[in-house]
Amino acid sequence: MTDSFLTIDDQPITIQQVFRYLQANRKLDGFIGEIVRQFVIDQELQARGEDLKTPAGAIEQAIIDFRLQQNLTDPKQFQEWLSANGLSYDLFHSQVAQGFRLRKLKEDITAQKLQEYFIDRKVFLDRVVLSRIIVTDKELADELHSQIQEGTSFEQLAREYSLTDDRMMNGMVGPVSRGTMPDMLRSAIDLAQPGEVVGPLGLDDRWGLFRVEGFLPATLDDPQIQQTLQDELYEQWLAERIQKLPIRLQIGE
């Protein structure tokens, strides 16, 4: 008789039943994927061993910082929080330590590739703050451009004539990734100065006037950008490692 995997309403559920349930709900691939992912990470953590060791003081300080941020400085409140989350202090301590090891692993894996990857991705990370007026007729677009050159308010014309929802915001689109712009628009924007209006430019079946409000160039010194790129490289590394693994599923009867 097969041992039960868990019990629901006093009914034993075998591991075979679990897999059948997951398969029936099309969740088996995701379930297996998470197991394989964790297997690869654990193997790498073990292989690097002491290289990823974190000083005990850093772990304790991280726990103190967490308790301060969450208003859990009172020992009783902290213990109640641990219990509510199904944790013991030792397990919580292990999770914090594991977090340090995973961050160090990610840094080590991505360090040599980060600069080159940043250069490759920079066109998508650089942003431009734009306002726009979108119309269907080129002659109208030319006329609006002439009015702007003669001193008519761009914002007023955007409210009156633009077809897009951002007309309610005076045509303000906000920050736009350079990499997501049509080539024609990106080329024109790259030659413009803040405050300059470019166009009319034909975009599909419409015409647009675009005012450059400012440039937001990406830099690897930005912690958020650095973290984003590290995450992307780390996921690529994981996917490559997983793809090379032979995986066999043996559910049994």
Protein backbone atom coordinates (compact mmCIF):
# COMPACT_ATOMS: atom_id res chain seq x y z
CA MET A 1 0.00 0.00 0.00
CA THR A 2 1.33 3.42 -0.95
CA ASP A 3 2.02 5.81 1.91
CA SER A 4 -0.15 8.90 1.99
CA PHE A 5 1.37 12.25 1.09
CA LEU A 6 -1.14 14.23 3.16
CA THR A 7 -4.52 13.76 4.78
CA ILE A 8 -7.68 15.74 3.95
CA ASP A 9 -10.81 15.23 6.03
CA ASP A 10 -9.25 12.02 7.38
CA GLN A 11 -8.79 10.77 3.83
CA PRO A 12 -5.22 9.83 2.84
CA ILE A 13 -3.97 11.47 -0.35
CA THR A 14 -1.10 9.68 -2.07
CA ILE A 15 1.63 11.38 -4.04
CA GLN A 16 0.18 9.73 -7.17
CA GLN A 17 -3.16 11.44 -6.51
CA VAL A 18 -1.41 14.77 -5.99
CA PHE A 19 0.25 14.50 -9.39
CA ARG A 20 -3.02 13.50 -11.04
CA TYR A 21 -4.79 16.50 -9.49
CA LEU A 22 -2.05 18.84 -10.68
CA GLN A 23 -2.11 17.34 -14.14
CA ALA A 24 -5.90 17.58 -14.36
CA ASN A 25 -5.70 21.29 -13.55
CA ARG A 26 -2.77 21.87 -15.92
CA LYS A 27 -0.51 22.85 -13.05
CA LEU A 28 1.88 19.92 -13.14
CA ASP A 29 4.43 21.59 -15.43
CA GLY A 30 4.63 24.63 -13.15
CA PHE A 31 4.94 22.41 -10.09
CA ILE A 32 7.76 20.37 -11.61
CA GLY A 33 9.39 23.56 -12.88
CA GLU A 34 9.56 25.00 -9.37
CA ILE A 35 11.10 21.79 -8.05
CA VAL A 36 13.75 21.72 -10.78
CA ARG A 37 14.47 25.42 -10.26
CA GLN A 38 15.04 24.90 -6.53
CA PHE A 39 17.19 21.83 -7.25
CA VAL A 40 19.51 23.86 -9.49
CA ILE A 41 19.79 26.65 -6.92
CA ASP A 42 20.49 24.24 -4.06
CA GLN A 43 23.14 22.43 -6.07
CA GLU A 44 24.88 25.70 -6.89
CA LEU A 45 24.74 26.89 -3.28
CA GLN A 46 26.31 23.65 -2.12
CA ALA A 47 29.01 23.78 -4.80
CA ARG A 48 30.06 27.29 -3.82
CA GLY A 49 29.92 26.55 -0.10
CA GLU A 50 32.18 28.85 1.90
CA ASP A 51 32.34 31.41 -0.93
CA LEU A 52 28.78 32.42 -0.07
CA LYS A 53 29.13 32.40 3.70
CA THR A 54 27.67 35.48 5.42
CA PRO A 55 29.10 36.90 8.68
CA ALA A 56 26.80 36.10 11.59
CA GLY A 57 26.75 39.78 12.56
CA ALA A 58 25.25 40.77 9.21
CA ILE A 59 22.44 38.26 9.64
CA GLU A 60 21.66 39.43 13.17
CA GLN A 61 21.67 43.06 12.03
CA ALA A 62 19.28 42.23 9.20
CA ILE A 63 16.90 40.64 11.70
CA ILE A 64 17.12 43.69 13.96
CA ASP A 65 16.44 45.99 10.99
CA PHE A 66 13.44 43.88 9.99
CA ARG A 67 11.98 43.99 13.48
CA LEU A 68 12.43 47.76 13.61
CA GLN A 69 10.76 48.24 10.22
CA GLN A 70 7.84 46.00 11.15
CA ASN A 71 7.44 47.41 14.68
CA LEU A 72 8.27 44.03 16.21
CA THR A 73 10.84 45.16 18.75
CA ASP A 74 8.78 43.76 21.63
CA PRO A 75 9.81 40.10 22.10
CA LYS A 76 6.23 38.99 22.70
CA GLN A 77 4.96 40.70 19.54
CA PHE A 78 7.82 39.20 17.54
CA GLN A 79 7.03 35.72 18.84
CA GLU A 80 3.37 36.19 17.95
CA TRP A 81 4.39 37.27 14.45
CA LEU A 82 6.58 34.19 14.07
CA SER A 83 3.76 31.91 15.21
CA ALA A 84 1.23 33.59 12.90
CA ASN A 85 3.58 32.93 9.98
CA GLY A 86 4.29 29.34 10.96
CA LEU A 87 7.90 30.08 11.86
CA SER A 88 10.26 29.38 14.71
CA TYR A 89 13.11 31.79 15.39
CA ASP A 90 15.64 29.26 14.07
CA LEU A 91 13.69 28.81 10.85
CA PHE A 92 13.33 32.58 10.42
CA HIS A 93 17.06 33.00 11.05
CA SER A 94 17.78 30.33 8.41
CA GLN A 95 15.55 32.10 5.89
CA VAL A 96 17.38 35.38 6.42
CA ALA A 97 20.75 33.65 6.06
CA GLN A 98 19.52 31.93 2.90
CA GLY A 99 18.47 35.29 1.51
CA PHE A 100 22.02 36.59 1.95
CA ARG A 101 23.46 33.52 0.23
CA LEU A 102 21.06 33.85 -2.70
CA ARG A 103 21.88 37.54 -3.16
CA LYS A 104 25.61 36.76 -3.11
CA LEU A 105 25.06 33.92 -5.58
CA LYS A 106 23.17 36.24 -7.92
CA GLU A 107 25.92 38.87 -7.70
CA ASP A 108 28.65 36.31 -8.41
CA ILE A 109 26.81 34.80 -11.38
CA THR A 110 26.04 38.15 -13.02
CA ALA A 111 29.13 40.23 -12.14
CA GLN A 112 31.17 39.57 -15.28
CA LYS A 113 28.23 39.99 -17.66
CA LEU A 114 26.52 42.98 -16.06
CA GLN A 115 28.35 45.82 -17.84
CA GLU A 116 28.00 44.28 -21.30
CA TYR A 117 24.37 43.40 -20.67
CA PHE A 118 23.67 46.97 -19.53
CA ILE A 119 25.07 48.30 -22.81
CA ASP A 120 22.91 45.86 -24.79
CA ARG A 121 19.78 46.83 -22.85
CA LYS A 122 20.47 50.56 -22.55
CA VAL A 123 18.20 51.60 -25.41
CA PHE A 124 15.27 50.09 -23.49
CA LEU A 125 16.41 51.49 -20.14
CA ASP A 126 16.89 55.06 -21.37
CA ARG A 127 13.64 57.01 -21.12
CA VAL A 128 12.32 60.22 -22.62
CA VAL A 129 9.54 62.33 -21.10
CA LEU A 130 7.16 63.31 -23.89
CA SER A 131 3.99 65.24 -24.57
CA ARG A 132 2.09 64.63 -27.77
CA ILE A 133 -0.72 65.70 -30.07
CA ILE A 134 -2.16 62.91 -32.23
CA VAL A 135 -4.50 63.63 -35.15
CA THR A 136 -5.65 61.72 -38.24
CA ASP A 137 -4.96 64.43 -40.85
CA LYS A 138 -1.46 65.57 -41.93
CA GLU A 139 -2.69 68.98 -42.99
CA LEU A 140 -4.14 69.54 -39.52
CA ALA A 141 -0.88 68.35 -37.97
CA ASP A 142 1.07 70.83 -40.14
CA GLU A 143 -1.31 73.62 -39.15
CA LEU A 144 -0.98 72.82 -35.43
CA HIS A 145 2.80 72.77 -35.76
CA SER A 146 2.69 76.22 -37.37
CA GLN A 147 0.49 77.53 -34.56
CA ILE A 148 2.91 76.19 -31.96
CA GLN A 149 5.81 77.91 -33.72
CA GLU A 150 3.80 81.14 -33.70
CA GLY A 151 3.32 80.88 -29.93
CA THR A 152 0.07 79.00 -29.40
CA SER A 153 0.15 76.83 -26.28
CA PHE A 154 1.04 73.19 -26.99
CA GLU A 155 -1.07 72.20 -23.99
CA GLN A 156 -4.13 74.05 -25.30
CA LEU A 157 -3.87 72.46 -28.74
CA ALA A 158 -3.42 69.03 -27.19
CA ARG A 159 -6.62 69.45 -25.19
CA GLU A 160 -8.57 70.67 -28.20
CA TYR A 161 -7.33 68.42 -31.00
CA SER A 162 -5.50 65.33 -29.77
CA LEU A 163 -7.32 62.02 -30.17
CA THR A 164 -5.61 60.16 -27.34
CA ASP A 165 -6.73 59.98 -23.72
CA ASP A 166 -3.66 61.87 -22.53
CA ARG A 167 -5.15 65.04 -24.01
CA MET A 168 -6.80 65.43 -20.59
CA MET A 169 -3.26 65.77 -19.20
CA ASN A 170 -2.33 68.42 -21.78
CA GLY A 171 -0.84 65.71 -23.97
CA MET A 172 1.64 64.57 -21.31
CA VAL A 173 2.62 60.95 -21.90
CA GLY A 174 5.33 60.74 -19.27
CA PRO A 175 8.53 58.67 -19.43
CA VAL A 176 8.76 56.40 -22.48
CA SER A 177 11.45 53.78 -23.13
CA ARG A 178 13.54 54.68 -26.16
CA GLY A 179 13.60 51.03 -27.15
CA THR A 180 9.82 50.83 -27.45
CA MET A 181 9.54 53.84 -29.76
CA PRO A 182 9.09 53.43 -33.53
CA ASP A 183 12.45 53.92 -35.26
CA MET A 184 11.31 57.12 -36.96
CA LEU A 185 10.23 58.69 -33.67
CA ARG A 186 13.34 57.59 -31.79
CA SER A 187 15.63 59.03 -34.49
CA ALA A 188 13.83 62.38 -34.38
CA ILE A 189 13.77 62.51 -30.59
CA ASP A 190 17.48 61.71 -30.34
CA LEU A 191 18.27 64.86 -32.36
CA ALA A 192 15.93 67.12 -30.36
CA GLN A 193 16.53 69.31 -27.31
CA PRO A 194 14.25 69.58 -24.28
CA GLY A 195 11.33 71.86 -25.11
CA GLU A 196 11.60 71.20 -28.86
CA VAL A 197 8.62 69.91 -30.87
CA VAL A 198 9.30 67.27 -33.52
CA GLY A 199 6.97 66.24 -36.30
CA PRO A 200 4.52 65.86 -37.80
CA LEU A 201 5.49 62.18 -37.98
CA GLY A 202 3.34 59.55 -39.63
CA LEU A 203 2.53 56.67 -37.28
CA ASP A 204 0.29 54.03 -38.85
CA ASP A 205 -2.83 55.94 -39.93
CA ARG A 206 -2.21 58.95 -37.68
CA TRP A 207 0.09 61.94 -37.42
CA GLY A 208 1.83 63.11 -34.30
CA LEU A 209 3.57 66.15 -32.88
CA PHE A 210 5.89 65.36 -29.97
CA ARG A 211 7.40 67.76 -27.48
CA VAL A 212 10.49 66.59 -25.62
CA GLU A 213 10.11 67.41 -21.95
CA GLY A 214 13.35 65.81 -20.81
CA PHE A 215 15.75 62.88 -21.08
CA LEU A 216 16.23 60.25 -18.39
CA PRO A 217 19.39 58.36 -19.37
CA ALA A 218 19.93 55.04 -17.61
CA THR A 219 23.03 54.43 -15.52
CA LEU A 220 24.37 51.28 -13.95
CA ASP A 221 24.90 53.26 -10.76
CA ASP A 222 21.12 53.28 -10.29
CA PRO A 223 20.44 50.49 -7.74
CA GLN A 224 17.03 49.73 -9.23
CA ILE A 225 18.42 49.31 -12.75
CA GLN A 226 21.31 47.23 -11.45
CA GLN A 227 18.88 44.96 -9.57
CA THR A 228 16.64 44.58 -12.62
CA LEU A 229 19.54 43.56 -14.84
CA GLN A 230 20.92 41.17 -12.23
CA ASP A 231 17.50 39.52 -11.97
CA GLU A 232 17.25 39.15 -15.75
CA LEU A 233 20.74 37.66 -16.07
CA TYR A 234 20.12 35.34 -13.14
CA GLU A 235 16.89 34.05 -14.69
CA GLN A 236 18.71 33.49 -17.98
CA TRP A 237 21.41 31.51 -16.16
CA LEU A 238 18.77 29.40 -14.40
CA ALA A 239 16.90 28.72 -17.63
CA GLU A 240 20.10 27.60 -19.35
CA ARG A 241 21.01 25.27 -16.49
CA ILE A 242 17.50 23.78 -16.33
CA GLN A 243 17.40 23.24 -20.08
CA LYS A 244 20.51 21.07 -19.92
CA LEU A 245 19.17 18.77 -17.18
CA PRO A 246 17.68 15.37 -18.05
CA ILE A 247 14.38 15.11 -16.20
CA ARG A 248 12.27 11.96 -15.85
CA LEU A 249 8.91 11.85 -14.12
CA GLN A 250 8.06 8.56 -12.39
CA ILE A 251 4.68 8.71 -10.71
CA GLY A 252 4.01 5.00 -10.37
CA GLU A 253 0.62 3.35 -9.93
